[in-house]
Amino acid sequence: MTLVLAGDIGGTKTILRALESSESSGLKTLYEESYCSGDFPDLVLMVQKFLAAANSSTPEKACFAIAGPVVNNTAKLTNLAWFLDTHRLAQELGIVSISLINDFAAVGYGIFGLTKQDLLTLQVGKHKPEAPIGVIGAGTGLGQGFLIKQGNQYQVFPSEGGHADFAPRNELEFQLLKYLLDKHDIERVSAERVISGLGITSIYQFLRDRKIASESPEIAQVVRNLEQEAGQAEKTVDAAAAIGSAALAKSDCLSEQTIQLFIEAYGAEAGNLALKLLPHGGLYIAGGIAPKILPLMQDGSFMLNFTHKGRMRSILEEIPVHIILNQQVGLIGAALCASRL
């Protein structure tokens, strides 16, 4: 038996999980706790408090998924004044092996800890066990990554594909591109600026300002509140969630059209990633948005735009496509990564 520690570290919230790892029974959760990241000056104090609450001895291995880039075993969180270094963490915590990984790399590892109940299949396709696996996920941003099989295990590779150029495909999307260029006084628009929580709000504002449809007073007020918080580090309003809920409830025409355009762009970008990787091992849709608008992701628009690639349609129709429903997939991945150390 080996004691391992896994963590999913975000600027707002951190989840820690202590587990037992064994070759016979795999990973067994012993204790889990969630903390407000801003309440601690450093990860070390949080882990020490966690281990004391868990009445646990010092783990032998640990892996922490970080919402940000990991360079030379170090990471600086974007919205938190923490600088993490594996060497320092190992010394101060007494843990022999520690790894820091990008949060989207953790999602990649986490795929192998999911059950059938954690997935919803949009397209069965033709699974090939030796082929690459692709991962894409819209949430706060737009994460992309891939997995390549090496021997009996997969190597996980995060990417910055979400920052590639947004590629409009019709007149409305061209207008959206021009709107974002002018509004933000920028020279290019990334896919992430459209396909993310921020993107949902931007699409709503575009359709509203173009008077594509009328808005309800309730959603209009939510979006106005968000606009008044422009420039503030912390937002008290989640406009994207409100727009998504209104679209699901069919209570606001403008929200419905917003989510429709979002899903079409999301499906097209997922198809672009699939063309580059040919992930016959499966393309997995991660991130927090898809599970919240699940019926709309299933209505056919996502897959129609995913496969709408001209002569390449037949290839994309053979790619298995799954939505990850388990929002702890990153924590699961960190635990699996820790057990491998």
C-alpha atoms as a PDB file:
ATOM      1  CA  MET A   1       0.000   0.000   0.000  1.00  0.00           C
ATOM      2  CA  THR A   2       1.202   3.484  -0.909  1.00  0.00           C
ATOM      3  CA  LEU A   3      -0.292   6.695   0.478  1.00  0.00           C
ATOM      4  CA  VAL A   4      -0.746   9.361  -2.202  1.00  0.00           C
ATOM      5  CA  LEU A   5      -2.065  12.906  -2.198  1.00  0.00           C
ATOM      6  CA  ALA A   6      -3.918  14.525  -5.094  1.00  0.00           C
ATOM      7  CA  GLY A   7      -4.916  18.147  -5.476  1.00  0.00           C
ATOM      8  CA  ASP A   8      -6.914  20.238  -7.924  1.00  0.00           C
ATOM      9  CA  ILE A   9      -5.723  23.807  -7.351  1.00  0.00           C
ATOM     10  CA  GLY A  10      -7.626  26.796  -8.646  1.00  0.00           C
ATOM     11  CA  GLY A  11      -7.483  30.486  -7.952  1.00  0.00           C
ATOM     12  CA  THR A  12     -10.762  30.286  -6.024  1.00  0.00           C
ATOM     13  CA  LYS A  13     -11.040  26.721  -4.722  1.00  0.00           C
ATOM     14  CA  THR A  14      -8.653  23.847  -4.011  1.00  0.00           C
ATOM     15  CA  ILE A  15      -9.726  20.238  -3.497  1.00  0.00           C
ATOM     16  CA  LEU A  16      -7.349  17.796  -1.784  1.00  0.00           C
ATOM     17  CA  ARG A  17      -7.787  14.030  -1.657  1.00  0.00           C
ATOM     18  CA  ALA A  18      -5.788  11.397   0.240  1.00  0.00           C
ATOM     19  CA  LEU A  19      -5.767   7.913  -1.283  1.00  0.00           C
ATOM     20  CA  GLU A  20      -4.320   4.445  -0.880  1.00  0.00           C
ATOM     21  CA  SER A  21      -2.707   2.999  -3.992  1.00  0.00           C
ATOM     22  CA  SER A  22      -2.108  -0.694  -4.566  1.00  0.00           C
ATOM     23  CA  GLU A  23      -1.542  -2.881  -7.607  1.00  0.00           C
ATOM     24  CA  SER A  24      -4.372  -5.223  -6.617  1.00  0.00           C
ATOM     25  CA  SER A  25      -7.159  -2.767  -5.779  1.00  0.00           C
ATOM     26  CA  GLY A  26      -6.046   0.448  -7.522  1.00  0.00           C
ATOM     27  CA  LEU A  27      -6.869   3.755  -5.812  1.00  0.00           C
ATOM     28  CA  LYS A  28      -9.052   4.027  -2.707  1.00  0.00           C
ATOM     29  CA  THR A  29     -10.128   7.422  -1.373  1.00  0.00           C
ATOM     30  CA  LEU A  30      -9.451   7.893   2.338  1.00  0.00           C
ATOM     31  CA  TYR A  31     -10.287  11.551   2.887  1.00  0.00           C
ATOM     32  CA  GLU A  32     -11.237  14.603   0.840  1.00  0.00           C
ATOM     33  CA  GLU A  33     -11.661  18.284   1.657  1.00  0.00           C
ATOM     34  CA  SER A  34     -12.282  21.526  -0.224  1.00  0.00           C
ATOM     35  CA  TYR A  35     -10.677  24.841   0.759  1.00  0.00           C
ATOM     36  CA  CYS A  36     -10.938  28.475  -0.257  1.00  0.00           C
ATOM     37  CA  SER A  37      -7.543  29.027  -1.890  1.00  0.00           C
ATOM     38  CA  GLY A  38      -7.374  32.689  -0.880  1.00  0.00           C
ATOM     39  CA  ASP A  39      -7.553  31.771   2.826  1.00  0.00           C
ATOM     40  CA  PHE A  40      -3.998  30.408   2.689  1.00  0.00           C
ATOM     41  CA  PRO A  41      -0.720  32.206   1.905  1.00  0.00           C
ATOM     42  CA  ASP A  42       0.759  29.025   0.430  1.00  0.00           C
ATOM     43  CA  LEU A  43      -0.111  25.442  -0.489  1.00  0.00           C
ATOM     44  CA  VAL A  44       2.144  24.031   2.259  1.00  0.00           C
ATOM     45  CA  LEU A  45      -0.039  25.332   5.094  1.00  0.00           C
ATOM     46  CA  MET A  46      -3.171  24.036   3.366  1.00  0.00           C
ATOM     47  CA  VAL A  47      -1.722  20.537   2.933  1.00  0.00           C
ATOM     48  CA  GLN A  48      -0.555  20.483   6.556  1.00  0.00           C
ATOM     49  CA  LYS A  49      -4.042  21.415   7.750  1.00  0.00           C
ATOM     50  CA  PHE A  50      -5.546  18.773   5.443  1.00  0.00           C
ATOM     51  CA  LEU A  51      -3.266  15.982   6.684  1.00  0.00           C
ATOM     52  CA  ALA A  52      -3.987  16.912  10.291  1.00  0.00           C
ATOM     53  CA  ALA A  53      -7.750  16.819   9.661  1.00  0.00           C
ATOM     54  CA  ALA A  54      -7.397  13.498   7.864  1.00  0.00           C
ATOM     55  CA  ASN A  55      -5.300  12.139  10.751  1.00  0.00           C
ATOM     56  CA  SER A  56      -2.943  10.969   8.045  1.00  0.00           C
ATOM     57  CA  SER A  57       0.748  10.203   7.962  1.00  0.00           C
ATOM     58  CA  THR A  58       2.915  11.917   5.341  1.00  0.00           C
ATOM     59  CA  PRO A  59       2.097  10.686   1.822  1.00  0.00           C
ATOM     60  CA  GLU A  60       4.875   9.136  -0.241  1.00  0.00           C
ATOM     61  CA  LYS A  61       3.694  10.699  -3.506  1.00  0.00           C
ATOM     62  CA  ALA A  62       1.689  13.764  -4.489  1.00  0.00           C
ATOM     63  CA  CYS A  63       0.437  15.384  -7.673  1.00  0.00           C
ATOM     64  CA  PHE A  64      -1.199  18.787  -7.930  1.00  0.00           C
ATOM     65  CA  ALA A  65      -3.170  19.947 -10.970  1.00  0.00           C
ATOM     66  CA  ILE A  66      -2.618  23.659 -11.538  1.00  0.00           C
ATOM     67  CA  ALA A  67      -4.890  26.118 -13.350  1.00  0.00           C
ATOM     68  CA  GLY A  68      -2.020  27.561 -15.352  1.00  0.00           C
ATOM     69  CA  PRO A  69       1.228  26.644 -17.096  1.00  0.00           C
ATOM     70  CA  VAL A  70       3.852  24.456 -15.420  1.00  0.00           C
ATOM     71  CA  VAL A  71       7.447  25.287 -16.387  1.00  0.00           C
ATOM     72  CA  ASN A  72      10.511  23.429 -15.062  1.00  0.00           C
ATOM     73  CA  ASN A  73       8.520  21.934 -12.186  1.00  0.00           C
ATOM     74  CA  THR A  74       7.282  25.349 -11.062  1.00  0.00           C
ATOM     75  CA  ALA A  75       3.962  27.123 -11.388  1.00  0.00           C
ATOM     76  CA  LYS A  76       2.562  30.554 -10.608  1.00  0.00           C
ATOM     77  CA  LEU A  77      -1.196  30.735 -10.373  1.00  0.00           C
ATOM     78  CA  THR A  78      -2.839  33.482 -12.385  1.00  0.00           C
ATOM     79  CA  ASN A  79      -5.383  34.611  -9.767  1.00  0.00           C
ATOM     80  CA  LEU A  80      -3.505  33.629  -6.619  1.00  0.00           C
ATOM     81  CA  ALA A  81      -0.238  34.860  -5.107  1.00  0.00           C
ATOM     82  CA  TRP A  82       1.242  31.373  -4.861  1.00  0.00           C
ATOM     83  CA  PHE A  83       4.504  30.271  -6.436  1.00  0.00           C
ATOM     84  CA  LEU A  84       4.838  26.501  -6.370  1.00  0.00           C
ATOM     85  CA  ASP A  85       8.094  24.627  -6.746  1.00  0.00           C
ATOM     86  CA  THR A  86       8.265  20.832  -6.473  1.00  0.00           C
ATOM     87  CA  HIS A  87      11.679  20.882  -4.761  1.00  0.00           C
ATOM     88  CA  ARG A  88      10.523  23.319  -2.060  1.00  0.00           C
ATOM     89  CA  LEU A  89       7.216  21.517  -1.572  1.00  0.00           C
ATOM     90  CA  ALA A  90       8.974  18.173  -1.169  1.00  0.00           C
ATOM     91  CA  GLN A  91      11.353  19.621   1.423  1.00  0.00           C
ATOM     92  CA  GLU A  92       8.731  21.459   3.484  1.00  0.00           C
ATOM     93  CA  LEU A  93       6.113  18.696   3.355  1.00  0.00           C
ATOM     94  CA  GLY A  94       8.471  15.740   3.580  1.00  0.00           C
ATOM     95  CA  ILE A  95       6.891  14.063   0.554  1.00  0.00           C
ATOM     96  CA  VAL A  96       9.415  12.079  -1.494  1.00  0.00           C
ATOM     97  CA  SER A  97       7.884  12.519  -4.963  1.00  0.00           C
ATOM     98  CA  ILE A  98       5.828  15.530  -6.023  1.00  0.00           C
ATOM     99  CA  SER A  99       4.597  16.481  -9.481  1.00  0.00           C
ATOM    100  CA  LEU A 100       2.889  19.623 -10.753  1.00  0.00           C
ATOM    101  CA  ILE A 101       0.796  19.248 -13.898  1.00  0.00           C
ATOM    102  CA  ASN A 102      -1.417  21.549 -15.926  1.00  0.00           C
ATOM    103  CA  ASP A 103      -5.085  21.184 -15.021  1.00  0.00           C
ATOM    104  CA  PHE A 104      -5.969  20.081 -18.525  1.00  0.00           C
ATOM    105  CA  ALA A 105      -3.219  17.452 -18.488  1.00  0.00           C
ATOM    106  CA  ALA A 106      -4.918  16.197 -15.319  1.00  0.00           C
ATOM    107  CA  VAL A 107      -8.157  15.853 -17.283  1.00  0.00           C
ATOM    108  CA  GLY A 108      -6.255  13.708 -19.785  1.00  0.00           C
ATOM    109  CA  TYR A 109      -5.024  11.364 -17.062  1.00  0.00           C
ATOM    110  CA  GLY A 110      -8.455  11.385 -15.451  1.00  0.00           C
ATOM    111  CA  ILE A 111     -10.120   9.833 -18.497  1.00  0.00           C
ATOM    112  CA  PHE A 112      -8.772   6.448 -17.398  1.00  0.00           C
ATOM    113  CA  GLY A 113     -10.413   6.741 -13.984  1.00  0.00           C
ATOM    114  CA  LEU A 114     -13.907   7.369 -15.337  1.00  0.00           C
ATOM    115  CA  THR A 115     -16.781   4.883 -15.430  1.00  0.00           C
ATOM    116  CA  LYS A 116     -19.516   4.537 -18.049  1.00  0.00           C
ATOM    117  CA  GLN A 117     -21.788   6.589 -15.787  1.00  0.00           C
ATOM    118  CA  ASP A 118     -19.293   9.467 -15.998  1.00  0.00           C
ATOM    119  CA  LEU A 119     -19.652   9.732 -19.781  1.00  0.00           C
ATOM    120  CA  LEU A 120     -22.347  10.577 -22.282  1.00  0.00           C
ATOM    121  CA  THR A 121     -21.634   9.401 -25.814  1.00  0.00           C
ATOM    122  CA  LEU A 122     -22.576  11.713 -28.674  1.00  0.00           C
ATOM    123  CA  GLN A 123     -21.098   9.473 -31.375  1.00  0.00           C
ATOM    124  CA  VAL A 124     -20.065   5.839 -30.988  1.00  0.00           C
ATOM    125  CA  GLY A 125     -17.726   5.888 -33.974  1.00  0.00           C
ATOM    126  CA  LYS A 126     -15.138   3.162 -34.513  1.00  0.00           C
ATOM    127  CA  HIS A 127     -12.809   2.913 -31.549  1.00  0.00           C
ATOM    128  CA  LYS A 128      -9.154   2.039 -32.217  1.00  0.00           C
ATOM    129  CA  PRO A 129      -7.242   1.231 -29.008  1.00  0.00           C
ATOM    130  CA  GLU A 130      -3.819   2.234 -30.377  1.00  0.00           C
ATOM    131  CA  ALA A 131      -4.964   5.592 -31.775  1.00  0.00           C
ATOM    132  CA  PRO A 132      -4.515   9.018 -30.138  1.00  0.00           C
ATOM    133  CA  ILE A 133      -7.090  10.449 -27.746  1.00  0.00           C
ATOM    134  CA  GLY A 134      -8.193  14.092 -27.956  1.00  0.00           C
ATOM    135  CA  VAL A 135      -9.538  16.306 -25.179  1.00  0.00           C
ATOM    136  CA  ILE A 136     -11.246  19.675 -25.533  1.00  0.00           C
ATOM    137  CA  GLY A 137     -13.105  21.588 -22.861  1.00  0.00           C
ATOM    138  CA  ALA A 138     -14.853  24.936 -22.654  1.00  0.00           C
ATOM    139  CA  GLY A 139     -15.145  26.515 -19.230  1.00  0.00           C
ATOM    140  CA  THR A 140     -13.416  29.639 -17.965  1.00  0.00           C
ATOM    141  CA  GLY A 141     -11.191  29.199 -21.025  1.00  0.00           C
ATOM    142  CA  LEU A 142     -10.876  26.643 -23.820  1.00  0.00           C
ATOM    143  CA  GLY A 143      -8.516  23.792 -23.013  1.00  0.00           C
ATOM    144  CA  GLN A 144      -7.184  21.356 -25.573  1.00  0.00           C
ATOM    145  CA  GLY A 145      -4.828  18.408 -25.306  1.00  0.00           C
ATOM    146  CA  PHE A 146      -4.081  14.932 -26.553  1.00  0.00           C
ATOM    147  CA  LEU A 147      -2.804  11.538 -25.439  1.00  0.00           C
ATOM    148  CA  ILE A 148      -0.447   9.188 -27.271  1.00  0.00           C
ATOM    149  CA  LYS A 149      -0.053   5.528 -26.349  1.00  0.00           C
ATOM    150  CA  GLN A 150       3.481   4.499 -25.431  1.00  0.00           C
ATOM    151  CA  GLY A 151       3.771   0.835 -24.537  1.00  0.00           C
ATOM    152  CA  ASN A 152       0.994  -0.002 -22.101  1.00  0.00           C
ATOM    153  CA  GLN A 153       0.444   3.581 -20.945  1.00  0.00           C
ATOM    154  CA  TYR A 154      -0.597   6.890 -22.433  1.00  0.00           C
ATOM    155  CA  GLN A 155       1.548  10.014 -22.374  1.00  0.00           C
ATOM    156  CA  VAL A 156      -0.521  13.156 -21.842  1.00  0.00           C
ATOM    157  CA  PHE A 157       0.289  16.370 -23.718  1.00  0.00           C
ATOM    158  CA  PRO A 158      -1.477  19.666 -22.924  1.00  0.00           C
ATOM    159  CA  SER A 159      -1.574  22.328 -25.612  1.00  0.00           C
ATOM    160  CA  GLU A 160      -2.524  25.960 -26.118  1.00  0.00           C
ATOM    161  CA  GLY A 161      -4.838  25.138 -29.025  1.00  0.00           C
ATOM    162  CA  GLY A 162      -7.625  27.205 -27.499  1.00  0.00           C
ATOM    163  CA  HIS A 163      -5.605  30.305 -28.373  1.00  0.00           C
ATOM    164  CA  ALA A 164      -5.518  29.484 -32.084  1.00  0.00           C
ATOM    165  CA  ASP A 165      -7.487  31.832 -34.338  1.00  0.00           C
ATOM    166  CA  PHE A 166     -11.277  31.746 -34.311  1.00  0.00           C
ATOM    167  CA  ALA A 167     -12.355  30.656 -37.795  1.00  0.00           C
ATOM    168  CA  PRO A 168     -15.769  32.076 -38.808  1.00  0.00           C
ATOM    169  CA  ARG A 169     -17.679  29.966 -41.348  1.00  0.00           C
ATOM    170  CA  ASN A 170     -20.741  32.040 -42.252  1.00  0.00           C
ATOM    171  CA  GLU A 171     -21.926  35.641 -42.427  1.00  0.00           C
ATOM    172  CA  LEU A 172     -23.126  35.765 -38.817  1.00  0.00           C
ATOM    173  CA  GLU A 173     -19.817  34.434 -37.495  1.00  0.00           C
ATOM    174  CA  PHE A 174     -17.892  36.894 -39.689  1.00  0.00           C
ATOM    175  CA  GLN A 175     -19.953  39.687 -38.145  1.00  0.00           C
ATOM    176  CA  LEU A 176     -19.156  38.302 -34.686  1.00  0.00           C
ATOM    177  CA  LEU A 177     -15.447  38.327 -35.497  1.00  0.00           C
ATOM    178  CA  LYS A 178     -15.595  41.960 -36.663  1.00  0.00           C
ATOM    179  CA  TYR A 179     -17.649  42.911 -33.593  1.00  0.00           C
ATOM    180  CA  LEU A 180     -15.043  41.448 -31.207  1.00  0.00           C
ATOM    181  CA  LEU A 181     -12.131  43.022 -33.084  1.00  0.00           C
ATOM    182  CA  ASP A 182     -13.743  46.452 -32.902  1.00  0.00           C
ATOM    183  CA  LYS A 183     -15.103  46.161 -29.368  1.00  0.00           C
ATOM    184  CA  HIS A 184     -11.819  45.102 -27.791  1.00  0.00           C
ATOM    185  CA  ASP A 185      -9.569  47.022 -30.205  1.00  0.00           C
ATOM    186  CA  ILE A 186      -7.522  43.900 -30.945  1.00  0.00           C
ATOM    187  CA  GLU A 187      -5.868  42.476 -34.044  1.00  0.00           C
ATOM    188  CA  ARG A 188      -7.007  38.875 -33.743  1.00  0.00           C
ATOM    189  CA  VAL A 189      -9.663  36.792 -32.029  1.00  0.00           C
ATOM    190  CA  SER A 190      -8.829  33.440 -30.498  1.00  0.00           C
ATOM    191  CA  ALA A 191     -11.191  30.477 -30.422  1.00  0.00           C
ATOM    192  CA  GLU A 192     -11.254  30.824 -26.631  1.00  0.00           C
ATOM    193  CA  ARG A 193     -12.751  34.316 -26.876  1.00  0.00           C
ATOM    194  CA  VAL A 194     -15.834  32.741 -28.475  1.00  0.00           C
ATOM    195  CA  ILE A 195     -15.897  29.195 -27.057  1.00  0.00           C
ATOM    196  CA  SER A 196     -15.817  29.706 -23.288  1.00  0.00           C
ATOM    197  CA  GLY A 197     -17.913  31.193 -20.511  1.00  0.00           C
ATOM    198  CA  LEU A 198     -16.635  34.615 -21.503  1.00  0.00           C
ATOM    199  CA  GLY A 199     -17.477  33.738 -25.106  1.00  0.00           C
ATOM    200  CA  ILE A 200     -21.095  33.006 -24.241  1.00  0.00           C
ATOM    201  CA  THR A 201     -21.457  36.492 -22.781  1.00  0.00           C
ATOM    202  CA  SER A 202     -19.693  38.033 -25.791  1.00  0.00           C
ATOM    203  CA  ILE A 203     -22.004  36.234 -28.210  1.00  0.00           C
ATOM    204  CA  TYR A 204     -25.015  37.447 -26.226  1.00  0.00           C
ATOM    205  CA  GLN A 205     -23.773  41.053 -26.349  1.00  0.00           C
ATOM    206  CA  PHE A 206     -23.126  40.754 -30.082  1.00  0.00           C
ATOM    207  CA  LEU A 207     -26.611  39.441 -30.841  1.00  0.00           C
ATOM    208  CA  ARG A 208     -28.157  42.015 -28.516  1.00  0.00           C
ATOM    209  CA  ASP A 209     -26.276  44.939 -30.049  1.00  0.00           C
ATOM    210  CA  ARG A 210     -27.132  43.741 -33.556  1.00  0.00           C
ATOM    211  CA  LYS A 211     -30.777  43.496 -32.437  1.00  0.00           C
ATOM    212  CA  ILE A 212     -30.997  39.899 -33.653  1.00  0.00           C
ATOM    213  CA  ALA A 213     -33.611  39.211 -30.986  1.00  0.00           C
ATOM    214  CA  SER A 214     -35.159  40.953 -28.001  1.00  0.00           C
ATOM    215  CA  GLU A 215     -33.840  40.222 -24.509  1.00  0.00           C
ATOM    216  CA  SER A 216     -35.800  39.447 -21.373  1.00  0.00           C
ATOM    217  CA  PRO A 217     -35.565  41.923 -18.483  1.00  0.00           C
ATOM    218  CA  GLU A 218     -34.087  39.263 -16.182  1.00  0.00           C
ATOM    219  CA  ILE A 219     -31.125  38.296 -18.392  1.00  0.00           C
ATOM    220  CA  ALA A 220     -30.670  41.878 -19.534  1.00  0.00           C
ATOM    221  CA  GLN A 221     -30.120  42.923 -15.897  1.00  0.00           C
ATOM    222  CA  VAL A 222     -27.647  40.088 -15.259  1.00  0.00           C
ATOM    223  CA  VAL A 223     -25.564  41.074 -18.273  1.00  0.00           C
ATOM    224  CA  ARG A 224     -25.713  44.766 -17.350  1.00  0.00           C
ATOM    225  CA  ASN A 225     -24.498  43.933 -13.832  1.00  0.00           C
ATOM    226  CA  LEU A 226     -21.563  42.057 -15.349  1.00  0.00           C
ATOM    227  CA  GLU A 227     -20.754  44.956 -17.664  1.00  0.00           C
ATOM    228  CA  GLN A 228     -20.679  47.307 -14.682  1.00  0.00           C
ATOM    229  CA  GLU A 229     -18.057  45.065 -13.062  1.00  0.00           C
ATOM    230  CA  ALA A 230     -15.721  45.375 -16.057  1.00  0.00           C
ATOM    231  CA  GLY A 231     -12.131  45.778 -14.902  1.00  0.00           C
ATOM    232  CA  GLN A 232     -12.740  44.289 -11.448  1.00  0.00           C
ATOM    233  CA  ALA A 233     -10.592  41.299 -10.496  1.00  0.00           C
ATOM    234  CA  GLU A 234     -13.511  39.390  -8.964  1.00  0.00           C
ATOM    235  CA  LYS A 235     -16.929  39.101 -10.579  1.00  0.00           C
ATOM    236  CA  THR A 236     -20.109  38.590  -8.570  1.00  0.00           C
ATOM    237  CA  VAL A 237     -22.193  37.721 -11.633  1.00  0.00           C
ATOM    238  CA  ASP A 238     -22.065  34.572 -13.762  1.00  0.00           C
ATOM    239  CA  ALA A 239     -23.799  35.797 -16.899  1.00  0.00           C
ATOM    240  CA  ALA A 240     -22.874  32.713 -18.937  1.00  0.00           C
ATOM    241  CA  ALA A 241     -24.627  30.426 -16.439  1.00  0.00           C
ATOM    242  CA  ALA A 242     -27.738  32.634 -16.461  1.00  0.00           C
ATOM    243  CA  ILE A 243     -27.807  32.671 -20.266  1.00  0.00           C
ATOM    244  CA  GLY A 244     -27.378  28.894 -20.404  1.00  0.00           C
ATOM    245  CA  SER A 245     -30.173  28.317 -17.884  1.00  0.00           C
ATOM    246  CA  ALA A 246     -32.517  30.632 -19.791  1.00  0.00           C
ATOM    247  CA  ALA A 247     -31.719  28.811 -23.035  1.00  0.00           C
ATOM    248  CA  LEU A 248     -32.486  25.455 -21.417  1.00  0.00           C
ATOM    249  CA  ALA A 249     -35.752  26.774 -20.021  1.00  0.00           C
ATOM    250  CA  LYS A 250     -36.588  28.415 -23.370  1.00  0.00           C
ATOM    251  CA  SER A 251     -37.487  31.529 -21.413  1.00  0.00           C
ATOM    252  CA  ASP A 252     -35.390  34.000 -23.399  1.00  0.00           C
ATOM    253  CA  CYS A 253     -35.089  33.996 -27.189  1.00  0.00           C
ATOM    254  CA  LEU A 254     -31.798  35.878 -27.202  1.00  0.00           C
ATOM    255  CA  SER A 255     -30.242  33.376 -24.782  1.00  0.00           C
ATOM    256  CA  GLU A 256     -31.439  30.481 -26.944  1.00  0.00           C
ATOM    257  CA  GLN A 257     -29.817  31.980 -30.039  1.00  0.00           C
ATOM    258  CA  THR A 258     -26.648  32.709 -28.047  1.00  0.00           C
ATOM    259  CA  ILE A 259     -26.220  29.121 -26.916  1.00  0.00           C
ATOM    260  CA  GLN A 260     -27.087  27.864 -30.402  1.00  0.00           C
ATOM    261  CA  LEU A 261     -24.268  29.912 -31.939  1.00  0.00           C
ATOM    262  CA  PHE A 262     -21.927  28.870 -29.121  1.00  0.00           C
ATOM    263  CA  ILE A 263     -22.641  25.156 -29.635  1.00  0.00           C
ATOM    264  CA  GLU A 264     -22.167  25.438 -33.394  1.00  0.00           C
ATOM    265  CA  ALA A 265     -18.768  27.118 -32.932  1.00  0.00           C
ATOM    266  CA  TYR A 266     -17.837  24.572 -30.231  1.00  0.00           C
ATOM    267  CA  GLY A 267     -18.675  21.643 -32.491  1.00  0.00           C
ATOM    268  CA  ALA A 268     -16.713  23.163 -35.383  1.00  0.00           C
ATOM    269  CA  GLU A 269     -13.622  23.710 -33.204  1.00  0.00           C
ATOM    270  CA  ALA A 270     -13.858  20.170 -31.806  1.00  0.00           C
ATOM    271  CA  GLY A 271     -13.982  18.940 -35.402  1.00  0.00           C
ATOM    272  CA  ASN A 272     -10.868  21.005 -36.214  1.00  0.00           C
ATOM    273  CA  LEU A 273      -9.013  19.329 -33.352  1.00  0.00           C
ATOM    274  CA  ALA A 274     -10.202  15.910 -34.515  1.00  0.00           C
ATOM    275  CA  LEU A 275      -8.908  16.563 -38.046  1.00  0.00           C
ATOM    276  CA  LYS A 276      -5.465  17.376 -36.642  1.00  0.00           C
ATOM    277  CA  LEU A 277      -5.261  14.392 -34.292  1.00  0.00           C
ATOM    278  CA  LEU A 278      -7.520  11.724 -35.847  1.00  0.00           C
ATOM    279  CA  PRO A 279      -8.358  10.607 -32.284  1.00  0.00           C
ATOM    280  CA  HIS A 280      -9.917   7.229 -32.985  1.00  0.00           C
ATOM    281  CA  GLY A 281      -9.161   6.452 -29.343  1.00  0.00           C
ATOM    282  CA  GLY A 282     -11.920   8.963 -28.584  1.00  0.00           C
ATOM    283  CA  LEU A 283     -12.516  12.702 -28.420  1.00  0.00           C
ATOM    284  CA  TYR A 284     -13.574  13.756 -24.934  1.00  0.00           C
ATOM    285  CA  ILE A 285     -15.534  16.948 -24.239  1.00  0.00           C
ATOM    286  CA  ALA A 286     -14.457  18.248 -20.824  1.00  0.00           C
ATOM    287  CA  GLY A 287     -14.997  21.572 -19.063  1.00  0.00           C
ATOM    288  CA  GLY A 288     -17.840  22.860 -16.960  1.00  0.00           C
ATOM    289  CA  ILE A 289     -20.165  24.172 -19.662  1.00  0.00           C
ATOM    290  CA  ALA A 290     -21.210  21.060 -21.607  1.00  0.00           C
ATOM    291  CA  PRO A 291     -22.782  19.172 -18.645  1.00  0.00           C
ATOM    292  CA  LYS A 292     -24.801  22.268 -17.723  1.00  0.00           C
ATOM    293  CA  ILE A 293     -26.420  22.516 -21.169  1.00  0.00           C
ATOM    294  CA  LEU A 294     -26.502  18.783 -21.856  1.00  0.00           C
ATOM    295  CA  PRO A 295     -29.882  18.588 -23.670  1.00  0.00           C
ATOM    296  CA  LEU A 296     -28.729  21.319 -26.056  1.00  0.00           C
ATOM    297  CA  MET A 297     -25.396  19.551 -26.641  1.00  0.00           C
ATOM    298  CA  GLN A 298     -27.401  16.443 -27.562  1.00  0.00           C
ATOM    299  CA  ASP A 299     -29.846  18.082 -29.985  1.00  0.00           C
ATOM    300  CA  GLY A 300     -27.610  17.434 -32.998  1.00  0.00           C
ATOM    301  CA  SER A 301     -26.112  20.886 -33.624  1.00  0.00           C
ATOM    302  CA  PHE A 302     -22.790  20.072 -31.987  1.00  0.00           C
ATOM    303  CA  MET A 303     -22.213  16.894 -33.991  1.00  0.00           C
ATOM    304  CA  LEU A 304     -23.564  18.423 -37.209  1.00  0.00           C
ATOM    305  CA  ASN A 305     -20.903  21.125 -37.028  1.00  0.00           C
ATOM    306  CA  PHE A 306     -18.290  18.637 -35.791  1.00  0.00           C
ATOM    307  CA  THR A 307     -18.637  16.543 -38.945  1.00  0.00           C
ATOM    308  CA  HIS A 308     -19.298  19.442 -41.343  1.00  0.00           C
ATOM    309  CA  LYS A 309     -15.843  19.255 -42.945  1.00  0.00           C
ATOM    310  CA  GLY A 310     -16.558  18.604 -46.623  1.00  0.00           C
ATOM    311  CA  ARG A 311     -14.691  15.578 -47.957  1.00  0.00           C
ATOM    312  CA  MET A 312     -13.475  14.764 -44.432  1.00  0.00           C
ATOM    313  CA  ARG A 313     -16.999  14.135 -43.101  1.00  0.00           C
ATOM    314  CA  SER A 314     -16.720  10.357 -43.411  1.00  0.00           C
ATOM    315  CA  ILE A 315     -13.508  10.358 -41.347  1.00  0.00           C
ATOM    316  CA  LEU A 316     -15.027  12.434 -38.550  1.00  0.00           C
ATOM    317  CA  GLU A 317     -18.134  10.236 -38.467  1.00  0.00           C
ATOM    318  CA  GLU A 318     -15.835   7.417 -37.280  1.00  0.00           C
ATOM    319  CA  ILE A 319     -14.402   9.353 -34.295  1.00  0.00           C
ATOM    320  CA  PRO A 320     -15.931   8.339 -30.918  1.00  0.00           C
ATOM    321  CA  VAL A 321     -17.134  11.495 -29.131  1.00  0.00           C
ATOM    322  CA  HIS A 322     -17.960  11.581 -25.415  1.00  0.00           C
ATOM    323  CA  ILE A 323     -18.973  14.293 -22.934  1.00  0.00           C
ATOM    324  CA  ILE A 324     -17.348  13.980 -19.496  1.00  0.00           C
ATOM    325  CA  LEU A 325     -20.052  14.377 -16.853  1.00  0.00           C
ATOM    326  CA  ASN A 326     -17.839  13.917 -13.788  1.00  0.00           C
ATOM    327  CA  GLN A 327     -16.565  17.360 -12.796  1.00  0.00           C
ATOM    328  CA  GLN A 328     -13.849  15.823 -10.593  1.00  0.00           C
ATOM    329  CA  VAL A 329     -12.042  14.322 -13.579  1.00  0.00           C
ATOM    330  CA  GLY A 330      -9.031  16.606 -12.951  1.00  0.00           C
ATOM    331  CA  LEU A 331      -8.719  15.422  -9.355  1.00  0.00           C
ATOM    332  CA  ILE A 332      -9.034  11.814 -10.510  1.00  0.00           C
ATOM    333  CA  GLY A 333      -6.276  12.482 -13.037  1.00  0.00           C
ATOM    334  CA  ALA A 334      -3.996  14.037 -10.423  1.00  0.00           C
ATOM    335  CA  ALA A 335      -4.461  10.939  -8.250  1.00  0.00           C
ATOM    336  CA  LEU A 336      -3.633   8.578 -11.124  1.00  0.00           C
ATOM    337  CA  CYS A 337      -0.606  10.690 -12.024  1.00  0.00           C
ATOM    338  CA  ALA A 338       0.586  10.623  -8.402  1.00  0.00           C
ATOM    339  CA  SER A 339       0.291   6.829  -8.267  1.00  0.00           C
ATOM    340  CA  ARG A 340       2.588   6.584 -11.313  1.00  0.00           C
ATOM    341  CA  LEU A 341       5.408   8.599  -9.742  1.00  0.00           C
END
